[in-house]
Amino acid sequence: MAIELNVDATMAMSAVREAVHADPVFLLAGIGLVALAIFLVFFLKRVIVNSILGLLAFAVLWFFGIRLPFLVTLVVTTVFGLAGVGTMLLLYFFGLLG
C-alpha cells in the first residue's frame, strides 16, 4: 500500500496559489483582528480579570441566596467587576434597589 505524497503536495500548492490571489481585504481584516486580540489581552488584562472576578462573586452571592436584580446587576458587574458587586450590595442593603 503506497502513499502518494505528490498528490497531497499538489493540493497544498493549489490552495496556496488560491490564497495568494485572494482578496487582500481578508488579509487586512485578519491582521486587524489579531492586533485587536493582542491589545485586549495585554492592555486590558486587568479589566477583563476584574470583570470575571465580579461575575464569579455575583454567582457566589446568587448561590448563597442573595437575590439581587439579575439583569441590572449582571451589566454593572460586567462593566465594573468587584466594585460593581459591592455597589449593588450597598444599594440593596439601603433599600434603593428592588
PDB file of N, CA and C in Angstrom:
ATOM      1  N   MET A   1       0.847  -1.170   0.000  1.00  0.00           N
ATOM      2  CA  MET A   1       0.000   0.000   0.000  1.00  0.00           C
ATOM      3  C   MET A   1       0.893   1.235   0.000  1.00  0.00           C
ATOM      4  N   ALA A   2       0.928   1.899  -1.089  1.00  0.00           N
ATOM      5  CA  ALA A   2       1.803   3.056  -1.240  1.00  0.00           C
ATOM      6  C   ALA A   2       1.005   4.341  -1.038  1.00  0.00           C
ATOM      7  N   ILE A   3       1.637   5.292  -0.401  1.00  0.00           N
ATOM      8  CA  ILE A   3       1.017   6.596  -0.184  1.00  0.00           C
ATOM      9  C   ILE A   3       1.636   7.571  -1.172  1.00  0.00           C
ATOM     10  N   GLU A   4       0.781   8.248  -1.900  1.00  0.00           N
ATOM     11  CA  GLU A   4       1.284   9.202  -2.881  1.00  0.00           C
ATOM     12  C   GLU A   4       1.361  10.575  -2.237  1.00  0.00           C
ATOM     13  N   LEU A   5       2.559  10.986  -1.921  1.00  0.00           N
ATOM     14  CA  LEU A   5       2.763  12.293  -1.311  1.00  0.00           C
ATOM     15  C   LEU A   5       2.650  13.407  -2.322  1.00  0.00           C
ATOM     16  N   ASN A   6       2.876  13.119  -3.570  1.00  0.00           N
ATOM     17  CA  ASN A   6       2.815  14.155  -4.595  1.00  0.00           C
ATOM     18  C   ASN A   6       1.404  14.699  -4.750  1.00  0.00           C
ATOM     19  N   VAL A   7       0.401  13.869  -4.574  1.00  0.00           N
ATOM     20  CA  VAL A   7      -0.987  14.334  -4.691  1.00  0.00           C
ATOM     21  C   VAL A   7      -1.287  15.340  -3.582  1.00  0.00           C
ATOM     22  N   ASP A   8      -0.888  15.053  -2.364  1.00  0.00           N
ATOM     23  CA  ASP A   8      -1.136  15.957  -1.256  1.00  0.00           C
ATOM     24  C   ASP A   8      -0.360  17.263  -1.418  1.00  0.00           C
ATOM     25  N   ALA A   9       0.868  17.174  -1.892  1.00  0.00           N
ATOM     26  CA  ALA A   9       1.662  18.380  -2.103  1.00  0.00           C
ATOM     27  C   ALA A   9       1.061  19.223  -3.215  1.00  0.00           C
ATOM     28  N   THR A  10       0.538  18.582  -4.261  1.00  0.00           N
ATOM     29  CA  THR A  10      -0.081  19.327  -5.357  1.00  0.00           C
ATOM     30  C   THR A  10      -1.328  20.039  -4.863  1.00  0.00           C
ATOM     31  N   MET A  11      -2.121  19.377  -4.037  1.00  0.00           N
ATOM     32  CA  MET A  11      -3.325  20.009  -3.496  1.00  0.00           C
ATOM     33  C   MET A  11      -2.962  21.173  -2.584  1.00  0.00           C
ATOM     34  N   ALA A  12      -1.907  21.008  -1.805  1.00  0.00           N
ATOM     35  CA  ALA A  12      -1.478  22.075  -0.907  1.00  0.00           C
ATOM     36  C   ALA A  12      -0.979  23.279  -1.698  1.00  0.00           C
ATOM     37  N   MET A  13      -0.241  23.035  -2.754  1.00  0.00           N
ATOM     38  CA  MET A  13       0.262  24.148  -3.559  1.00  0.00           C
ATOM     39  C   MET A  13      -0.871  24.868  -4.280  1.00  0.00           C
ATOM     40  N   SER A  14      -1.881  24.143  -4.721  1.00  0.00           N
ATOM     41  CA  SER A  14      -3.011  24.810  -5.369  1.00  0.00           C
ATOM     42  C   SER A  14      -3.770  25.672  -4.361  1.00  0.00           C
ATOM     43  N   ALA A  15      -3.860  25.225  -3.103  1.00  0.00           N
ATOM     44  CA  ALA A  15      -4.503  26.031  -2.065  1.00  0.00           C
ATOM     45  C   ALA A  15      -3.698  27.287  -1.783  1.00  0.00           C
ATOM     46  N   VAL A  16      -2.378  27.178  -1.806  1.00  0.00           N
ATOM     47  CA  VAL A  16      -1.526  28.348  -1.585  1.00  0.00           C
ATOM     48  C   VAL A  16      -1.690  29.334  -2.732  1.00  0.00           C
ATOM     49  N   ARG A  17      -1.756  28.822  -3.951  1.00  0.00           N
ATOM     50  CA  ARG A  17      -1.942  29.706  -5.109  1.00  0.00           C
ATOM     51  C   ARG A  17      -3.276  30.445  -5.034  1.00  0.00           C
ATOM     52  N   GLU A  18      -4.326  29.740  -4.593  1.00  0.00           N
ATOM     53  CA  GLU A  18      -5.622  30.396  -4.454  1.00  0.00           C
ATOM     54  C   GLU A  18      -5.580  31.454  -3.355  1.00  0.00           C
ATOM     55  N   ALA A  19      -4.864  31.188  -2.284  1.00  0.00           N
ATOM     56  CA  ALA A  19      -4.788  32.146  -1.186  1.00  0.00           C
ATOM     57  C   ALA A  19      -4.019  33.398  -1.588  1.00  0.00           C
ATOM     58  N   VAL A  20      -3.021  33.239  -2.446  1.00  0.00           N
ATOM     59  CA  VAL A  20      -2.244  34.383  -2.892  1.00  0.00           C
ATOM     60  C   VAL A  20      -3.097  35.307  -3.741  1.00  0.00           C
ATOM     61  N   HIS A  21      -4.019  34.745  -4.493  1.00  0.00           N
ATOM     62  CA  HIS A  21      -4.867  35.546  -5.360  1.00  0.00           C
ATOM     63  C   HIS A  21      -6.171  35.962  -4.693  1.00  0.00           C
ATOM     64  N   ALA A  22      -6.290  35.741  -3.391  1.00  0.00           N
ATOM     65  CA  ALA A  22      -7.499  36.097  -2.668  1.00  0.00           C
ATOM     66  C   ALA A  22      -7.552  37.609  -2.456  1.00  0.00           C
ATOM     67  N   ASP A  23      -8.696  38.061  -1.993  1.00  0.00           N
ATOM     68  CA  ASP A  23      -8.926  39.487  -1.751  1.00  0.00           C
ATOM     69  C   ASP A  23      -8.053  39.955  -0.580  1.00  0.00           C
ATOM     70  N   PRO A  24      -7.278  41.019  -0.743  1.00  0.00           N
ATOM     71  CA  PRO A  24      -6.399  41.474   0.353  1.00  0.00           C
ATOM     72  C   PRO A  24      -7.167  42.051   1.534  1.00  0.00           C
ATOM     73  N   VAL A  25      -8.447  42.336   1.363  1.00  0.00           N
ATOM     74  CA  VAL A  25      -9.246  42.849   2.475  1.00  0.00           C
ATOM     75  C   VAL A  25      -9.325  41.795   3.584  1.00  0.00           C
ATOM     76  N   PHE A  26      -9.421  40.520   3.191  1.00  0.00           N
ATOM     77  CA  PHE A  26      -9.457  39.452   4.192  1.00  0.00           C
ATOM     78  C   PHE A  26      -8.146  39.393   4.974  1.00  0.00           C
ATOM     79  N   LEU A  27      -7.052  39.597   4.284  1.00  0.00           N
ATOM     80  CA  LEU A  27      -5.756  39.590   4.954  1.00  0.00           C
ATOM     81  C   LEU A  27      -5.658  40.735   5.951  1.00  0.00           C
ATOM     82  N   LEU A  28      -6.074  41.915   5.537  1.00  0.00           N
ATOM     83  CA  LEU A  28      -6.027  43.072   6.431  1.00  0.00           C
ATOM     84  C   LEU A  28      -6.986  42.908   7.601  1.00  0.00           C
ATOM     85  N   ALA A  29      -8.157  42.326   7.350  1.00  0.00           N
ATOM     86  CA  ALA A  29      -9.114  42.095   8.431  1.00  0.00           C
ATOM     87  C   ALA A  29      -8.550  41.088   9.426  1.00  0.00           C
ATOM     88  N   GLY A  30      -7.901  40.059   8.938  1.00  0.00           N
ATOM     89  CA  GLY A  30      -7.293  39.065   9.829  1.00  0.00           C
ATOM     90  C   GLY A  30      -6.196  39.667  10.674  1.00  0.00           C
ATOM     91  N   ILE A  31      -5.345  40.468  10.058  1.00  0.00           N
ATOM     92  CA  ILE A  31      -4.271  41.133  10.805  1.00  0.00           C
ATOM     93  C   ILE A  31      -4.856  42.088  11.844  1.00  0.00           C
ATOM     94  N   GLY A  32      -5.920  42.791  11.464  1.00  0.00           N
ATOM     95  CA  GLY A  32      -6.572  43.706  12.401  1.00  0.00           C
ATOM     96  C   GLY A  32      -7.178  42.984  13.591  1.00  0.00           C
ATOM     97  N   LEU A  33      -7.814  41.842  13.342  1.00  0.00           N
ATOM     98  CA  LEU A  33      -8.398  41.082  14.448  1.00  0.00           C
ATOM     99  C   LEU A  33      -7.334  40.511  15.383  1.00  0.00           C
ATOM    100  N   VAL A  34      -6.228  40.072  14.825  1.00  0.00           N
ATOM    101  CA  VAL A  34      -5.131  39.573  15.665  1.00  0.00           C
ATOM    102  C   VAL A  34      -4.557  40.717  16.502  1.00  0.00           C
ATOM    103  N   ALA A  35      -4.387  41.886  15.904  1.00  0.00           N
ATOM    104  CA  ALA A  35      -3.874  43.042  16.646  1.00  0.00           C
ATOM    105  C   ALA A  35      -4.847  43.453  17.754  1.00  0.00           C
ATOM    106  N   LEU A  36      -6.152  43.402  17.474  1.00  0.00           N
ATOM    107  CA  LEU A  36      -7.150  43.734  18.487  1.00  0.00           C
ATOM    108  C   LEU A  36      -7.119  42.741  19.644  1.00  0.00           C
ATOM    109  N   ALA A  37      -6.965  41.469  19.336  1.00  0.00           N
ATOM    110  CA  ALA A  37      -6.879  40.458  20.387  1.00  0.00           C
ATOM    111  C   ALA A  37      -5.645  40.666  21.255  1.00  0.00           C
ATOM    112  N   ILE A  38      -4.517  40.980  20.638  1.00  0.00           N
ATOM    113  CA  ILE A  38      -3.291  41.239  21.399  1.00  0.00           C
ATOM    114  C   ILE A  38      -3.467  42.469  22.280  1.00  0.00           C
ATOM    115  N   PHE A  39      -4.099  43.511  21.743  1.00  0.00           N
ATOM    116  CA  PHE A  39      -4.369  44.722  22.520  1.00  0.00           C
ATOM    117  C   PHE A  39      -5.238  44.397  23.725  1.00  0.00           C
ATOM    118  N   LEU A  40      -6.308  43.624  23.514  1.00  0.00           N
ATOM    119  CA  LEU A  40      -7.204  43.287  24.613  1.00  0.00           C
ATOM    120  C   LEU A  40      -6.510  42.453  25.679  1.00  0.00           C
ATOM    121  N   VAL A  41      -5.697  41.532  25.260  1.00  0.00           N
ATOM    122  CA  VAL A  41      -5.047  40.651  26.228  1.00  0.00           C
ATOM    123  C   VAL A  41      -3.996  41.397  27.036  1.00  0.00           C
ATOM    124  N   PHE A  42      -3.157  42.166  26.394  1.00  0.00           N
ATOM    125  CA  PHE A  42      -2.044  42.793  27.100  1.00  0.00           C
ATOM    126  C   PHE A  42      -2.409  44.089  27.811  1.00  0.00           C
ATOM    127  N   PHE A  43      -3.248  44.923  27.206  1.00  0.00           N
ATOM    128  CA  PHE A  43      -3.527  46.225  27.799  1.00  0.00           C
ATOM    129  C   PHE A  43      -4.783  46.251  28.659  1.00  0.00           C
ATOM    130  N   LEU A  44      -5.718  45.363  28.383  1.00  0.00           N
ATOM    131  CA  LEU A  44      -6.950  45.360  29.162  1.00  0.00           C
ATOM    132  C   LEU A  44      -7.066  44.122  30.044  1.00  0.00           C
ATOM    133  N   LYS A  45      -5.944  43.495  30.350  1.00  0.00           N
ATOM    134  CA  LYS A  45      -5.954  42.259  31.125  1.00  0.00           C
ATOM    135  C   LYS A  45      -6.570  42.481  32.500  1.00  0.00           C
ATOM    136  N   ARG A  46      -6.244  43.563  33.145  1.00  0.00           N
ATOM    137  CA  ARG A  46      -6.779  43.825  34.479  1.00  0.00           C
ATOM    138  C   ARG A  46      -8.283  44.043  34.446  1.00  0.00           C
ATOM    139  N   VAL A  47      -8.760  44.727  33.425  1.00  0.00           N
ATOM    140  CA  VAL A  47     -10.198  44.970  33.294  1.00  0.00           C
ATOM    141  C   VAL A  47     -10.929  43.656  33.078  1.00  0.00           C
ATOM    142  N   ILE A  48     -10.382  42.807  32.236  1.00  0.00           N
ATOM    143  CA  ILE A  48     -11.012  41.518  31.951  1.00  0.00           C
ATOM    144  C   ILE A  48     -11.020  40.644  33.202  1.00  0.00           C
ATOM    145  N   VAL A  49      -9.913  40.593  33.916  1.00  0.00           N
ATOM    146  CA  VAL A  49      -9.834  39.791  35.140  1.00  0.00           C
ATOM    147  C   VAL A  49     -10.796  40.329  36.182  1.00  0.00           C
ATOM    148  N   ASN A  50     -10.895  41.644  36.325  1.00  0.00           N
ATOM    149  CA  ASN A  50     -11.811  42.246  37.288  1.00  0.00           C
ATOM    150  C   ASN A  50     -13.260  41.910  36.941  1.00  0.00           C
ATOM    151  N   SER A  51     -13.594  41.939  35.670  1.00  0.00           N
ATOM    152  CA  SER A  51     -14.957  41.604  35.259  1.00  0.00           C
ATOM    153  C   SER A  51     -15.271  40.141  35.543  1.00  0.00           C
ATOM    154  N   ILE A  52     -14.331  39.263  35.271  1.00  0.00           N
ATOM    155  CA  ILE A  52     -14.549  37.841  35.530  1.00  0.00           C
ATOM    156  C   ILE A  52     -14.694  37.585  37.030  1.00  0.00           C
ATOM    157  N   LEU A  53     -13.854  38.236  37.847  1.00  0.00           N
ATOM    158  CA  LEU A  53     -13.974  38.088  39.301  1.00  0.00           C
ATOM    159  C   LEU A  53     -15.309  38.629  39.802  1.00  0.00           C
ATOM    160  N   GLY A  54     -15.770  39.714  39.223  1.00  0.00           N
ATOM    161  CA  GLY A  54     -17.072  40.253  39.599  1.00  0.00           C
ATOM    162  C   GLY A  54     -18.201  39.307  39.254  1.00  0.00           C
ATOM    163  N   LEU A  55     -18.122  38.688  38.078  1.00  0.00           N
ATOM    164  CA  LEU A  55     -19.157  37.725  37.696  1.00  0.00           C
ATOM    165  C   LEU A  55     -19.129  36.494  38.607  1.00  0.00           C
ATOM    166  N   LEU A  56     -17.926  36.064  38.991  1.00  0.00           N
ATOM    167  CA  LEU A  56     -17.833  34.946  39.922  1.00  0.00           C
ATOM    168  C   LEU A  56     -18.414  35.311  41.292  1.00  0.00           C
ATOM    169  N   ALA A  57     -18.148  36.519  41.755  1.00  0.00           N
ATOM    170  CA  ALA A  57     -18.706  36.964  43.034  1.00  0.00           C
ATOM    171  C   ALA A  57     -20.228  37.048  42.964  1.00  0.00           C
ATOM    172  N   PHE A  58     -20.752  37.512  41.836  1.00  0.00           N
ATOM    173  CA  PHE A  58     -22.202  37.572  41.643  1.00  0.00           C
ATOM    174  C   PHE A  58     -22.802  36.167  41.669  1.00  0.00           C
ATOM    175  N   ALA A  59     -22.117  35.217  41.056  1.00  0.00           N
ATOM    176  CA  ALA A  59     -22.596  33.834  41.060  1.00  0.00           C
ATOM    177  C   ALA A  59     -22.562  33.247  42.472  1.00  0.00           C
ATOM    178  N   VAL A  60     -21.538  33.567  43.250  1.00  0.00           N
ATOM    179  CA  VAL A  60     -21.455  33.081  44.632  1.00  0.00           C
ATOM    180  C   VAL A  60     -22.581  33.672  45.474  1.00  0.00           C
ATOM    181  N   LEU A  61     -22.854  34.960  45.289  1.00  0.00           N
ATOM    182  CA  LEU A  61     -23.965  35.586  46.018  1.00  0.00           C
ATOM    183  C   LEU A  61     -25.283  34.922  45.644  1.00  0.00           C
ATOM    184  N   TRP A  62     -25.461  34.663  44.365  1.00  0.00           N
ATOM    185  CA  TRP A  62     -26.693  34.028  43.890  1.00  0.00           C
ATOM    186  C   TRP A  62     -26.812  32.615  44.492  1.00  0.00           C
ATOM    187  N   PHE A  63     -25.690  31.912  44.600  1.00  0.00           N
ATOM    188  CA  PHE A  63     -25.671  30.567  45.172  1.00  0.00           C
ATOM    189  C   PHE A  63     -26.069  30.583  46.646  1.00  0.00           C
ATOM    190  N   PHE A  64     -25.625  31.591  47.377  1.00  0.00           N
ATOM    191  CA  PHE A  64     -25.938  31.682  48.800  1.00  0.00           C
ATOM    192  C   PHE A  64     -27.294  32.320  49.077  1.00  0.00           C
ATOM    193  N   GLY A  65     -28.048  32.622  48.056  1.00  0.00           N
ATOM    194  CA  GLY A  65     -29.417  33.091  48.239  1.00  0.00           C
ATOM    195  C   GLY A  65     -29.598  34.586  48.269  1.00  0.00           C
ATOM    196  N   ILE A  66     -28.569  35.357  48.011  1.00  0.00           N
ATOM    197  CA  ILE A  66     -28.710  36.813  47.952  1.00  0.00           C
ATOM    198  C   ILE A  66     -29.144  37.151  46.523  1.00  0.00           C
ATOM    199  N   ARG A  67     -30.426  37.449  46.368  1.00  0.00           N
ATOM    200  CA  ARG A  67     -31.018  37.635  45.048  1.00  0.00           C
ATOM    201  C   ARG A  67     -31.121  39.116  44.700  1.00  0.00           C
ATOM    202  N   LEU A  68     -30.103  39.613  44.056  1.00  0.00           N
ATOM    203  CA  LEU A  68     -30.128  40.972  43.516  1.00  0.00           C
ATOM    204  C   LEU A  68     -30.832  40.931  42.166  1.00  0.00           C
ATOM    205  N   PRO A  69     -31.376  42.065  41.709  1.00  0.00           N
ATOM    206  CA  PRO A  69     -31.989  42.069  40.372  1.00  0.00           C
ATOM    207  C   PRO A  69     -30.976  41.580  39.329  1.00  0.00           C
ATOM    208  N   PHE A  70     -31.371  40.576  38.558  1.00  0.00           N
ATOM    209  CA  PHE A  70     -30.400  39.835  37.755  1.00  0.00           C
ATOM    210  C   PHE A  70     -29.777  40.675  36.645  1.00  0.00           C
ATOM    211  N   LEU A  71     -30.592  41.245  35.757  1.00  0.00           N
ATOM    212  CA  LEU A  71     -30.048  41.902  34.567  1.00  0.00           C
ATOM    213  C   LEU A  71     -29.244  43.149  34.914  1.00  0.00           C
ATOM    214  N   VAL A  72     -29.770  43.964  35.820  1.00  0.00           N
ATOM    215  CA  VAL A  72     -29.065  45.191  36.208  1.00  0.00           C
ATOM    216  C   VAL A  72     -27.733  44.854  36.868  1.00  0.00           C
ATOM    217  N   THR A  73     -27.753  43.904  37.780  1.00  0.00           N
ATOM    218  CA  THR A  73     -26.531  43.519  38.480  1.00  0.00           C
ATOM    219  C   THR A  73     -25.532  42.869  37.531  1.00  0.00           C
ATOM    220  N   LEU A  74     -26.019  42.082  36.589  1.00  0.00           N
ATOM    221  CA  LEU A  74     -25.137  41.446  35.621  1.00  0.00           C
ATOM    222  C   LEU A  74     -24.401  42.487  34.773  1.00  0.00           C
ATOM    223  N   VAL A  75     -25.118  43.497  34.313  1.00  0.00           N
ATOM    224  CA  VAL A  75     -24.488  44.544  33.491  1.00  0.00           C
ATOM    225  C   VAL A  75     -23.488  45.348  34.311  1.00  0.00           C
ATOM    226  N   VAL A  76     -23.885  45.768  35.500  1.00  0.00           N
ATOM    227  CA  VAL A  76     -22.991  46.566  36.357  1.00  0.00           C
ATOM    228  C   VAL A  76     -21.760  45.754  36.741  1.00  0.00           C
ATOM    229  N   THR A  77     -21.957  44.483  37.051  1.00  0.00           N
ATOM    230  CA  THR A  77     -20.841  43.627  37.433  1.00  0.00           C
ATOM    231  C   THR A  77     -19.897  43.395  36.269  1.00  0.00           C
ATOM    232  N   THR A  78     -20.435  43.217  35.076  1.00  0.00           N
ATOM    233  CA  THR A  78     -19.591  43.006  33.906  1.00  0.00           C
ATOM    234  C   THR A  78     -18.745  44.236  33.608  1.00  0.00           C
ATOM    235  N   VAL A  79     -19.311  45.401  33.794  1.00  0.00           N
ATOM    236  CA  VAL A  79     -18.573  46.636  33.488  1.00  0.00           C
ATOM    237  C   VAL A  79     -17.598  46.997  34.599  1.00  0.00           C
ATOM    238  N   PHE A  80     -18.039  46.910  35.858  1.00  0.00           N
ATOM    239  CA  PHE A  80     -17.231  47.417  36.969  1.00  0.00           C
ATOM    240  C   PHE A  80     -16.600  46.336  37.839  1.00  0.00           C
ATOM    241  N   GLY A  81     -16.920  45.088  37.616  1.00  0.00           N
ATOM    242  CA  GLY A  81     -16.279  43.997  38.332  1.00  0.00           C
ATOM    243  C   GLY A  81     -16.690  43.920  39.785  1.00  0.00           C
ATOM    244  N   LEU A  82     -15.703  43.683  40.644  1.00  0.00           N
ATOM    245  CA  LEU A  82     -15.972  43.527  42.073  1.00  0.00           C
ATOM    246  C   LEU A  82     -16.543  44.795  42.701  1.00  0.00           C
ATOM    247  N   ALA A  83     -16.112  45.943  42.220  1.00  0.00           N
ATOM    248  CA  ALA A  83     -16.670  47.204  42.731  1.00  0.00           C
ATOM    249  C   ALA A  83     -18.151  47.315  42.390  1.00  0.00           C
ATOM    250  N   GLY A  84     -18.543  46.804  41.239  1.00  0.00           N
ATOM    251  CA  GLY A  84     -19.951  46.810  40.856  1.00  0.00           C
ATOM    252  C   GLY A  84     -20.784  45.918  41.757  1.00  0.00           C
ATOM    253  N   VAL A  85     -20.251  44.763  42.117  1.00  0.00           N
ATOM    254  CA  VAL A  85     -20.967  43.870  43.029  1.00  0.00           C
ATOM    255  C   VAL A  85     -21.118  44.537  44.391  1.00  0.00           C
ATOM    256  N   GLY A  86     -20.045  45.154  44.879  1.00  0.00           N
ATOM    257  CA  GLY A  86     -20.119  45.850  46.163  1.00  0.00           C
ATOM    258  C   GLY A  86     -21.119  46.984  46.145  1.00  0.00           C
ATOM    259  N   THR A  87     -21.143  47.736  45.076  1.00  0.00           N
ATOM    260  CA  THR A  87     -22.094  48.844  44.956  1.00  0.00           C
ATOM    261  C   THR A  87     -23.527  48.331  44.929  1.00  0.00           C
ATOM    262  N   MET A  88     -23.763  47.267  44.192  1.00  0.00           N
ATOM    263  CA  MET A  88     -25.113  46.704  44.134  1.00  0.00           C
ATOM    264  C   MET A  88     -25.548  46.162  45.497  1.00  0.00           C
ATOM    265  N   LEU A  89     -24.611  45.569  46.242  1.00  0.00           N
ATOM    266  CA  LEU A  89     -24.946  45.103  47.591  1.00  0.00           C
ATOM    267  C   LEU A  89     -25.287  46.260  48.523  1.00  0.00           C
ATOM    268  N   LEU A  90     -24.533  47.350  48.426  1.00  0.00           N
ATOM    269  CA  LEU A  90     -24.838  48.526  49.248  1.00  0.00           C
ATOM    270  C   LEU A  90     -26.198  49.116  48.891  1.00  0.00           C
ATOM    271  N   LEU A  91     -26.485  49.221  47.603  1.00  0.00           N
ATOM    272  CA  LEU A  91     -27.784  49.741  47.169  1.00  0.00           C
ATOM    273  C   LEU A  91     -28.920  48.851  47.647  1.00  0.00           C
ATOM    274  N   TYR A  92     -28.704  47.548  47.607  1.00  0.00           N
ATOM    275  CA  TYR A  92     -29.708  46.599  48.075  1.00  0.00           C
ATOM    276  C   TYR A  92     -29.889  46.705  49.581  1.00  0.00           C
ATOM    277  N   PHE A  93     -28.800  46.871  50.313  1.00  0.00           N
ATOM    278  CA  PHE A  93     -28.851  46.987  51.776  1.00  0.00           C
ATOM    279  C   PHE A  93     -29.640  48.205  52.206  1.00  0.00           C
ATOM    280  N   PHE A  94     -29.441  49.326  51.522  1.00  0.00           N
ATOM    281  CA  PHE A  94     -30.113  50.561  51.885  1.00  0.00           C
ATOM    282  C   PHE A  94     -31.503  50.689  51.269  1.00  0.00           C
ATOM    283  N   GLY A  95     -31.934  49.674  50.552  1.00  0.00           N
ATOM    284  CA  GLY A  95     -33.300  49.667  50.018  1.00  0.00           C
ATOM    285  C   GLY A  95     -33.477  50.482  48.752  1.00  0.00           C
ATOM    286  N   LEU A  96     -32.404  50.851  48.113  1.00  0.00           N
ATOM    287  CA  LEU A  96     -32.514  51.636  46.878  1.00  0.00           C
ATOM    288  C   LEU A  96     -32.619  50.770  45.633  1.00  0.00           C
ATOM    289  N   LEU A  97     -32.473  49.478  45.831  1.00  0.00           N
ATOM    290  CA  LEU A  97     -32.515  48.538  44.721  1.00  0.00           C
ATOM    291  C   LEU A  97     -33.565  47.483  45.050  1.00  0.00           C
ATOM    292  N   GLY A  98     -34.531  47.316  44.143  1.00  0.00           N
ATOM    293  CA  GLY A  98     -35.669  46.432  44.351  1.00  0.00           C
ATOM    294  C   GLY A  98     -35.311  45.063  44.641  1.00  0.00           C
TER     295      GLY A  98
END
